N, C-alpha and C. Protein backbone atom coordinates (compact mmCIF):
# COMPACT_ATOMS: atom_id res chain seq x y z
N UNK A 1 1.04 -1.01 0.09
CA UNK A 1 0.02 -0.19 0.08
C UNK A 1 0.67 1.16 0.19
N UNK A 2 2.28 1.54 0.25
CA UNK A 2 2.73 2.45 0.79
C UNK A 2 3.36 2.90 -0.75
N UNK A 3 3.51 1.60 -1.46
CA UNK A 3 3.88 2.11 -2.79
C UNK A 3 3.05 2.49 -3.48
N UNK A 4 1.51 1.85 -3.23
CA UNK A 4 0.64 2.39 -4.14
C UNK A 4 0.01 4.06 -3.61
N UNK A 5 0.67 4.05 -2.36
CA UNK A 5 0.14 5.55 -2.08
C UNK A 5 1.20 6.80 -2.89
N UNK A 6 2.10 6.39 -3.65
CA UNK A 6 3.61 7.31 -3.61
C UNK A 6 2.93 8.43 -4.01
N UNK A 7 1.99 8.57 -4.79
CA UNK A 7 1.45 9.43 -5.73
C UNK A 7 1.71 10.62 -4.33
N UNK A 8 0.98 10.58 -3.55
CA UNK A 8 1.07 11.85 -2.02
C UNK A 8 1.87 12.20 -2.16
N UNK A 9 3.42 11.64 -2.47
CA UNK A 9 4.19 12.29 -2.53
C UNK A 9 4.54 13.16 -2.86
N UNK A 10 3.82 13.12 -4.01
CA UNK A 10 3.94 14.24 -5.36
C UNK A 10 2.87 15.59 -5.03
N UNK A 11 2.20 15.28 -4.47
CA UNK A 11 0.78 16.26 -4.21
C UNK A 11 1.35 17.49 -2.88
N UNK A 12 2.44 16.87 -2.35
CA UNK A 12 2.92 17.70 -1.09
C UNK A 12 3.70 19.20 -1.80
N UNK A 13 4.04 19.43 -3.04
CA UNK A 13 4.49 20.45 -3.40
C UNK A 13 3.85 22.03 -4.36
N UNK A 14 3.29 22.66 -3.72
CA UNK A 14 2.21 23.41 -4.04
C UNK A 14 3.20 24.05 -5.17
N UNK A 15 1.90 24.15 -6.08
CA UNK A 15 2.51 24.87 -7.35
C UNK A 15 2.92 24.17 -8.17
N UNK A 16 4.30 23.03 -8.14
CA UNK A 16 4.65 22.24 -8.83
C UNK A 16 3.81 21.30 -9.43
N UNK A 17 2.49 20.38 -8.66
CA UNK A 17 1.96 19.53 -8.29
C UNK A 17 1.00 20.00 -9.29
N UNK A 18 0.59 21.18 -8.95
CA UNK A 18 -0.41 21.76 -9.76
C UNK A 18 -0.52 21.70 -11.81
N UNK A 19 1.07 22.50 -11.32
CA UNK A 19 1.83 22.19 -12.81
C UNK A 19 1.64 21.14 -13.69
N UNK A 20 2.31 19.87 -12.76
CA UNK A 20 2.66 18.53 -13.38
C UNK A 20 1.07 18.28 -13.62
N UNK A 21 0.62 18.18 -12.62
CA UNK A 21 -1.15 17.99 -13.04
C UNK A 21 -2.24 18.53 -14.34
N UNK A 22 -1.20 19.35 -14.66
CA UNK A 22 -2.14 19.79 -15.63
C UNK A 22 -1.03 19.91 -16.87
N UNK A 23 -0.19 19.55 -17.03
CA UNK A 23 0.61 19.82 -18.14
C UNK A 23 0.28 18.63 -19.06
N UNK A 24 0.40 19.22 -20.57
CA UNK A 24 0.25 18.61 -22.14
C UNK A 24 -1.33 17.99 -21.45
N UNK A 25 -2.17 19.05 -21.07
CA UNK A 25 -3.50 19.43 -22.13
C UNK A 25 -4.25 18.34 -20.28
N UNK A 26 -3.47 18.18 -19.29
CA UNK A 26 -3.79 17.35 -18.02
C UNK A 26 -3.83 16.11 -18.38
N UNK A 27 -2.56 15.68 -19.06
CA UNK A 27 -3.13 14.41 -19.94
C UNK A 27 -2.72 13.20 -17.93
N UNK A 28 -1.79 13.54 -17.50
CA UNK A 28 -1.85 13.26 -16.03
C UNK A 28 -3.36 12.88 -15.62
N UNK A 29 -4.08 13.14 -15.56
CA UNK A 29 -5.22 12.77 -15.07
C UNK A 29 -5.60 11.40 -15.95
N UNK A 30 -5.55 11.59 -16.90
CA UNK A 30 -5.87 10.35 -18.01
C UNK A 30 -5.07 9.03 -17.43
N UNK A 31 -3.57 8.89 -17.28
CA UNK A 31 -2.69 8.37 -16.11
C UNK A 31 -3.52 7.93 -15.45
N UNK A 32 -3.53 8.74 -14.53
CA UNK A 32 -4.02 7.95 -13.03
C UNK A 32 -5.65 7.18 -13.91
N UNK A 33 -6.10 7.50 -14.23
CA UNK A 33 -7.90 7.11 -14.32
C UNK A 33 -7.12 5.73 -15.06
N UNK A 34 -6.52 5.90 -15.78
CA UNK A 34 -6.18 4.34 -16.47
C UNK A 34 -5.50 3.26 -15.32
N UNK A 35 -4.63 3.94 -14.48
CA UNK A 35 -3.92 3.51 -13.81
C UNK A 35 -4.78 2.64 -12.45
N UNK A 36 -5.55 3.48 -11.92
CA UNK A 36 -6.46 3.12 -11.03
C UNK A 36 -7.70 2.52 -11.05
N UNK A 37 -7.89 3.03 -12.39
CA UNK A 37 -9.58 1.56 -12.57
C UNK A 37 -8.97 -0.17 -13.61
N UNK A 38 -10.31 -0.14 -13.60
CA UNK A 38 -10.24 -1.85 -14.39
C UNK A 38 -10.11 -1.44 -15.59
N UNK A 39 -9.17 -2.34 -16.69
CA UNK A 39 -9.48 -2.19 -18.22
C UNK A 39 -10.91 -1.82 -18.77
N UNK A 40 -10.60 -1.13 -19.52
CA UNK A 40 -12.16 -0.89 -20.18
C UNK A 40 -12.72 0.19 -19.53
N UNK A 41 -12.58 1.32 -18.42
CA UNK A 41 -12.60 2.34 -18.38
C UNK A 41 -11.55 3.03 -17.63
N UNK A 42 -11.38 4.13 -18.35
CA UNK A 42 -12.43 5.28 -18.86
C UNK A 42 -12.54 5.22 -20.33
N UNK A 43 -13.46 5.34 -21.23
CA UNK A 43 -13.45 5.43 -22.50
C UNK A 43 -12.67 6.85 -22.90
N UNK A 44 -12.42 6.97 -24.18
CA UNK A 44 -11.69 8.36 -24.45
C UNK A 44 -12.47 9.37 -24.15
N UNK A 45 -13.70 9.39 -24.25
CA UNK A 45 -14.55 10.84 -24.20
C UNK A 45 -14.41 11.01 -22.52
N UNK A 46 -14.91 9.78 -21.79
CA UNK A 46 -14.90 10.36 -20.15
C UNK A 46 -13.09 10.37 -19.97
N UNK A 47 -12.50 9.99 -20.29
CA UNK A 47 -11.13 10.81 -19.84
C UNK A 47 -11.10 12.11 -20.13
N UNK A 48 -11.50 12.53 -21.27
CA UNK A 48 -11.46 13.96 -22.03
C UNK A 48 -12.63 14.76 -20.81
N UNK A 49 -13.51 14.11 -20.28
CA UNK A 49 -14.35 14.82 -19.57
C UNK A 49 -13.86 14.86 -17.89
N UNK A 50 -13.02 14.26 -17.80
CA UNK A 50 -11.97 14.44 -16.46
C UNK A 50 -11.23 15.65 -16.70
N UNK A 51 -10.08 15.47 -17.91
CA UNK A 51 -9.35 16.25 -18.10
C UNK A 51 -9.65 17.63 -18.30
N UNK A 52 -10.63 17.79 -18.67
CA UNK A 52 -11.83 19.29 -18.91
C UNK A 52 -11.51 19.70 -17.81
N UNK A 53 -12.32 18.86 -16.83
CA UNK A 53 -12.82 19.34 -15.35
C UNK A 53 -11.38 20.16 -14.56
N UNK A 54 -10.49 19.21 -14.89
CA UNK A 54 -9.23 19.40 -13.77
C UNK A 54 -8.93 20.68 -14.29
N UNK A 55 -9.01 21.08 -15.22
CA UNK A 55 -8.52 21.93 -15.94
C UNK A 55 -8.77 23.56 -15.45
N UNK A 56 -10.48 23.31 -14.75
CA UNK A 56 -11.20 24.31 -14.27
C UNK A 56 -10.42 25.12 -13.66
N UNK A 57 -10.49 26.74 -12.99
CA UNK A 57 -9.93 27.14 -12.40
C UNK A 57 -9.56 26.90 -10.83
N UNK A 58 -9.07 26.28 -10.29
CA UNK A 58 -8.79 26.49 -8.94
C UNK A 58 -9.22 24.91 -8.92
N UNK A 59 -9.59 24.02 -9.45
CA UNK A 59 -9.61 22.44 -9.30
C UNK A 59 -8.95 21.52 -8.96
N UNK A 60 -7.33 22.11 -10.02
CA UNK A 60 -6.23 21.61 -9.73
C UNK A 60 -5.61 21.42 -8.01
N UNK A 61 -5.60 22.70 -7.87
CA UNK A 61 -5.50 23.22 -6.66
C UNK A 61 -6.11 22.41 -5.61
N UNK A 62 -7.63 22.65 -5.55
CA UNK A 62 -8.23 21.86 -4.95
C UNK A 62 -7.75 20.30 -4.78
N UNK A 63 -8.09 19.72 -5.84
CA UNK A 63 -8.01 18.15 -5.66
C UNK A 63 -6.39 17.57 -5.04
N UNK A 64 -5.71 18.38 -5.01
CA UNK A 64 -4.08 18.04 -4.36
C UNK A 64 -4.48 18.27 -3.32
N UNK A 65 -4.70 19.38 -2.91
CA UNK A 65 -5.31 20.25 -1.43
C UNK A 65 -5.30 19.28 -0.11
N UNK A 66 -6.24 18.06 -0.76
CA UNK A 66 -6.96 17.07 0.03
C UNK A 66 -5.94 16.46 0.61
N UNK A 67 -4.49 15.70 -0.11
CA UNK A 67 -3.67 14.87 0.07
C UNK A 67 -2.17 16.06 0.97
N UNK A 68 -2.86 17.12 0.32
CA UNK A 68 -1.29 17.98 1.62
C UNK A 68 -2.03 18.30 2.40
N UNK A 69 -3.15 18.57 2.82
CA UNK A 69 -3.89 18.49 4.19
C UNK A 69 -3.52 16.80 4.93
N UNK A 70 -3.28 16.09 4.72
CA UNK A 70 -3.31 14.69 5.37
C UNK A 70 -2.20 14.74 6.37
N UNK A 71 -1.10 15.66 5.20
CA UNK A 71 0.11 15.34 6.14
C UNK A 71 0.55 16.95 6.56
N UNK A 72 -0.22 17.76 6.47
CA UNK A 72 0.12 19.11 7.11
C UNK A 72 -0.53 19.11 8.64
N UNK A 73 -1.68 18.16 8.30
CA UNK A 73 -2.57 18.57 9.94
C UNK A 73 -2.01 17.86 10.89
N UNK A 74 -1.29 16.69 10.88
CA UNK A 74 -0.78 15.59 11.63
C UNK A 74 -0.76 17.00 13.06
N UNK A 75 0.07 18.20 12.76
CA UNK A 75 0.30 18.93 13.91
C UNK A 75 -0.67 20.24 14.31
N UNK A 76 -1.21 20.22 13.37
CA UNK A 76 -2.41 21.41 13.78
C UNK A 76 -3.48 20.44 14.80
N UNK A 77 -3.71 21.63 15.52
CA UNK A 77 -4.90 21.37 16.71
C UNK A 77 -5.91 20.65 15.95
N UNK A 78 -6.80 21.58 14.99
CA UNK A 78 -8.07 20.71 13.85
C UNK A 78 -7.68 19.34 13.22
N UNK A 79 -6.23 19.35 12.79
CA UNK A 79 -6.21 17.91 12.76
C UNK A 79 -5.70 16.78 13.81
N UNK A 80 -5.10 17.21 14.64
CA UNK A 80 -5.51 16.16 15.71
C UNK A 80 -6.59 15.64 16.35
N UNK A 81 -7.08 17.02 16.71
CA UNK A 81 -8.79 16.58 17.22
C UNK A 81 -9.42 15.55 15.72
N UNK A 82 -9.05 15.89 14.38
CA UNK A 82 -9.79 14.77 13.74
C UNK A 82 -9.41 13.63 13.37
N UNK A 83 -7.71 13.38 13.98
CA UNK A 83 -7.23 11.96 14.41
C UNK A 83 -7.51 10.99 15.06
N UNK A 84 -8.23 12.03 16.22
CA UNK A 84 -8.82 11.10 17.66
C UNK A 84 -9.94 10.91 17.35
N UNK A 85 -11.05 11.54 16.30
CA UNK A 85 -12.21 11.39 16.35
C UNK A 85 -12.05 10.27 15.17
N UNK A 86 -10.97 9.63 14.38
CA UNK A 86 -10.87 8.81 13.85
C UNK A 86 -10.86 7.40 14.37
N UNK A 87 -9.96 7.77 15.74
CA UNK A 87 -10.02 6.33 16.52
C UNK A 87 -11.15 5.95 17.00
N UNK A 88 -12.14 6.66 16.89
CA UNK A 88 -13.16 6.22 17.37
C UNK A 88 -13.92 5.49 16.32
N UNK A 89 -14.89 3.89 17.07
CA UNK A 89 -15.76 3.14 16.14
C UNK A 89 -16.50 3.84 15.47
N UNK A 90 -17.06 3.10 14.31
CA UNK A 90 -17.99 3.78 13.65
C UNK A 90 -19.58 3.01 14.25
N UNK A 91 -19.87 3.63 14.50
CA UNK A 91 -21.56 2.59 15.26
C UNK A 91 -22.55 2.87 14.12
N UNK A 92 -22.42 3.32 12.91
CA UNK A 92 -23.91 3.33 11.81
C UNK A 92 -23.44 1.81 11.38
N UNK A 93 -24.17 1.47 10.86
CA UNK A 93 -24.34 0.20 10.35
C UNK A 93 -23.61 0.55 8.65
N UNK A 94 -23.13 -0.72 8.39
CA UNK A 94 -21.67 0.14 6.92
C UNK A 94 -21.47 -0.88 6.57
N UNK A 95 -21.73 -0.36 4.91
CA UNK A 95 -21.75 -1.61 3.40
C UNK A 95 -20.12 -0.64 2.59
N UNK A 96 -19.16 -1.97 3.08
CA UNK A 96 -18.43 -1.24 2.42
C UNK A 96 -18.25 -1.83 0.54
N UNK A 97 -18.04 -1.06 0.01
CA UNK A 97 -18.06 -1.47 -1.42
C UNK A 97 -16.38 -1.10 -1.98
N UNK A 98 -15.79 -2.26 -2.34
CA UNK A 98 -14.43 -1.99 -2.96
C UNK A 98 -14.10 -2.56 -4.23
N UNK A 99 -13.16 -1.77 -5.23
CA UNK A 99 -13.10 -2.80 -6.44
C UNK A 99 -11.74 -3.73 -6.23
N UNK A 100 -12.50 -4.79 -7.06
CA UNK A 100 -11.03 -5.84 -6.30
C UNK A 100 -9.83 -5.42 -7.93
N UNK A 101 -10.11 -4.71 -8.29
CA UNK A 101 -8.90 -4.20 -8.93
C UNK A 101 -8.35 -2.65 -9.04
N UNK A 102 -8.66 -2.62 -7.79
CA UNK A 102 -8.03 -0.88 -6.78
C UNK A 102 -6.47 -0.67 -6.99
N UNK A 103 -6.00 0.12 -7.73
CA UNK A 103 -4.64 0.10 -7.34
C UNK A 103 -4.69 1.15 -6.54
N UNK A 104 -5.33 1.76 -6.20
CA UNK A 104 -5.29 2.95 -5.28
C UNK A 104 -5.26 2.80 -3.69
N UNK A 105 -6.37 2.35 -3.94
CA UNK A 105 -6.08 1.81 -1.88
C UNK A 105 -6.17 0.02 -2.02
N UNK A 106 -5.57 -0.48 -1.89
CA UNK A 106 -5.35 -2.00 -2.57
C UNK A 106 -6.46 -2.93 -1.75
N UNK A 107 -7.39 -3.69 -2.16
CA UNK A 107 -8.05 -4.48 -1.32
C UNK A 107 -7.79 -5.05 -0.59
N UNK A 108 -6.49 -5.57 -0.77
CA UNK A 108 -5.75 -6.27 0.64
C UNK A 108 -5.24 -4.88 1.90
N UNK A 109 -5.58 -3.81 1.60
CA UNK A 109 -5.42 -3.14 2.73
C UNK A 109 -6.57 -2.55 3.18
N UNK A 110 -7.77 -2.05 2.71
CA UNK A 110 -9.27 -2.10 2.70
C UNK A 110 -10.10 -2.99 3.31
N UNK A 111 -9.29 -4.26 3.27
CA UNK A 111 -10.49 -5.77 3.81
C UNK A 111 -10.27 -5.31 5.60
N UNK A 112 -9.76 -4.71 5.88
CA UNK A 112 -9.83 -4.71 7.33
C UNK A 112 -10.23 -3.77 7.82
N UNK A 113 -10.72 -2.99 6.92
CA UNK A 113 -11.96 -1.79 7.84
C UNK A 113 -12.70 -2.12 8.43
N UNK A 114 -13.56 -3.33 8.90
CA UNK A 114 -14.74 -3.85 10.01
C UNK A 114 -14.30 -3.92 10.83
N UNK A 115 -12.95 -3.89 11.32
CA UNK A 115 -12.64 -3.71 12.95
C UNK A 115 -12.45 -2.58 13.38
N UNK A 116 -12.99 -1.36 12.66
CA UNK A 116 -13.23 0.57 12.90
C UNK A 116 -14.76 0.64 13.09
N UNK A 117 -15.64 -0.66 13.06
CA UNK A 117 -17.04 -0.62 12.77
C UNK A 117 -17.91 -1.30 14.10
N UNK A 118 -18.80 -0.81 14.84
CA UNK A 118 -19.26 -1.44 15.75
C UNK A 118 -20.34 -2.18 15.24
N UNK A 119 -21.03 -1.42 14.61
CA UNK A 119 -22.28 -1.65 14.31
C UNK A 119 -22.56 -2.99 12.72
N UNK A 120 -23.38 -2.84 12.32
CA UNK A 120 -23.35 -4.12 11.19
C UNK A 120 -22.76 -3.69 10.25
N UNK A 121 -21.75 -4.59 9.80
CA UNK A 121 -20.54 -4.26 8.78
C UNK A 121 -20.93 -5.35 8.00
N UNK A 122 -20.74 -5.12 6.39
CA UNK A 122 -20.91 -6.12 5.35
C UNK A 122 -19.64 -5.50 4.43
N UNK A 123 -18.85 -6.03 3.74
CA UNK A 123 -17.36 -6.36 2.94
C UNK A 123 -18.26 -6.38 1.61
N UNK A 124 -18.31 -6.06 0.36
CA UNK A 124 -18.18 -6.20 -0.85
C UNK A 124 -17.21 -6.16 -1.87
N UNK A 125 -16.61 -7.32 -2.14
CA UNK A 125 -15.29 -6.96 -3.11
C UNK A 125 -16.28 -6.58 -4.53
N UNK A 126 -16.13 -5.82 -5.31
CA UNK A 126 -16.50 -5.37 -6.71
C UNK A 126 -15.66 -6.16 -7.71
N UNK A 127 -15.96 -7.51 -8.07
CA UNK A 127 -15.05 -7.73 -8.83
C UNK A 127 -14.96 -7.27 -10.47
N UNK A 128 -14.05 -6.98 -11.55
CA UNK A 128 -13.97 -6.58 -12.21
C UNK A 128 -14.20 -4.58 -12.11
N UNK A 129 -13.87 -4.10 -11.15
CA UNK A 129 -13.94 -2.54 -10.36
C UNK A 129 -12.61 -2.18 -10.51
N UNK A 130 -11.85 -1.32 -10.64
CA UNK A 130 -10.80 -0.81 -9.51
C UNK A 130 -11.62 0.52 -8.44
N UNK A 131 -11.02 2.00 -8.92
CA UNK A 131 -10.62 2.70 -7.67
C UNK A 131 -11.85 3.41 -7.98
N UNK A 132 -12.70 3.56 -9.09
CA UNK A 132 -13.96 4.62 -9.25
C UNK A 132 -15.11 3.73 -9.63
N UNK A 133 -15.44 3.29 -8.50
CA UNK A 133 -16.73 2.13 -8.38
C UNK A 133 -17.74 2.62 -9.12
N UNK A 134 -18.48 3.92 -8.63
CA UNK A 134 -19.70 4.25 -9.31
C UNK A 134 -19.82 4.70 -10.80
N UNK A 135 -18.23 5.43 -11.28
CA UNK A 135 -18.23 5.35 -12.82
C UNK A 135 -17.98 3.87 -13.48
N UNK A 136 -17.13 2.94 -13.03
CA UNK A 136 -16.67 1.87 -13.97
C UNK A 136 -18.18 0.54 -13.65
N UNK A 137 -18.64 0.59 -12.29
CA UNK A 137 -19.67 -0.64 -12.00
C UNK A 137 -21.16 0.51 -11.48
N UNK A 138 -21.42 1.36 -11.60
CA UNK A 138 -22.58 2.27 -11.23
C UNK A 138 -23.82 0.92 -11.23
N UNK A 139 -24.56 -0.07 -11.98
CA UNK A 139 -25.23 -0.52 -11.92
C UNK A 139 -25.28 -1.83 -10.44
N UNK A 140 -23.71 -2.13 -10.52
CA UNK A 140 -23.31 -3.19 -9.38
C UNK A 140 -23.88 -2.16 -7.96
N UNK A 141 -23.40 -1.24 -8.09
CA UNK A 141 -23.32 0.06 -6.93
C UNK A 141 -24.60 0.07 -6.51
N UNK A 142 -25.47 0.70 -7.73
CA UNK A 142 -26.85 0.89 -7.03
C UNK A 142 -27.20 -0.25 -6.76
N UNK A 143 -27.18 -1.38 -7.15
CA UNK A 143 -27.92 -2.87 -6.97
C UNK A 143 -27.50 -2.96 -5.42
N UNK A 144 -26.04 -3.06 -5.26
CA UNK A 144 -25.54 -3.14 -3.72
C UNK A 144 -26.57 -2.48 -3.10
N UNK A 145 -26.35 -1.19 -3.24
CA UNK A 145 -26.71 -0.03 -2.04
C UNK A 145 -28.38 -0.03 -1.71
N UNK A 146 -29.15 -0.46 -3.09
CA UNK A 146 -30.66 -0.75 -2.82
C UNK A 146 -30.35 -2.00 -1.91
N UNK A 147 -29.75 -3.16 -2.02
CA UNK A 147 -30.14 -4.18 -1.04
C UNK A 147 -30.02 -4.05 0.08
N UNK A 148 -28.51 -3.39 0.22
CA UNK A 148 -28.54 -3.06 1.83
C UNK A 148 -29.67 -2.12 2.21
N UNK A 149 -29.57 -1.24 1.96
CA UNK A 149 -31.12 0.13 2.16
C UNK A 149 -32.07 -1.21 2.73
N UNK A 150 -32.76 -1.84 1.90
CA UNK A 150 -33.84 -3.25 1.98
C UNK A 150 -33.36 -3.87 3.37
N UNK A 151 -32.08 -3.93 3.74
CA UNK A 151 -31.85 -4.89 4.56
C UNK A 151 -32.20 -4.34 5.78
């Protein structure tokens, strides 16, 4: 998982990370989509939509700021409070859907998440899908959520 998360290190450099993400018409966005998703997604049209979206002013910065906050917040009071709250168990019933081919958050890493849930917990691995479940397997995701909600 550490190797799969190496992209977070590259996000730590303000301005440079944005420039890299936006270089060559945001080609890096397409590369990340390809790397983290299952074969067959995204299509060329879908890749174009994501590449255009990240070029909207401020979007690249906000996309990367999420990863920067995780690193910077460790020493800040708000970050310390946040991480303490993360240590509390989840008390709501939880359905966790995870793509079997997710190369960003590896399935074997996510599989242990149930230990953080004190309520009803169900793990479902979605075969043939990667990191972007709602986009890659919308019918499966909708069906699993509907099934879970009925229960």
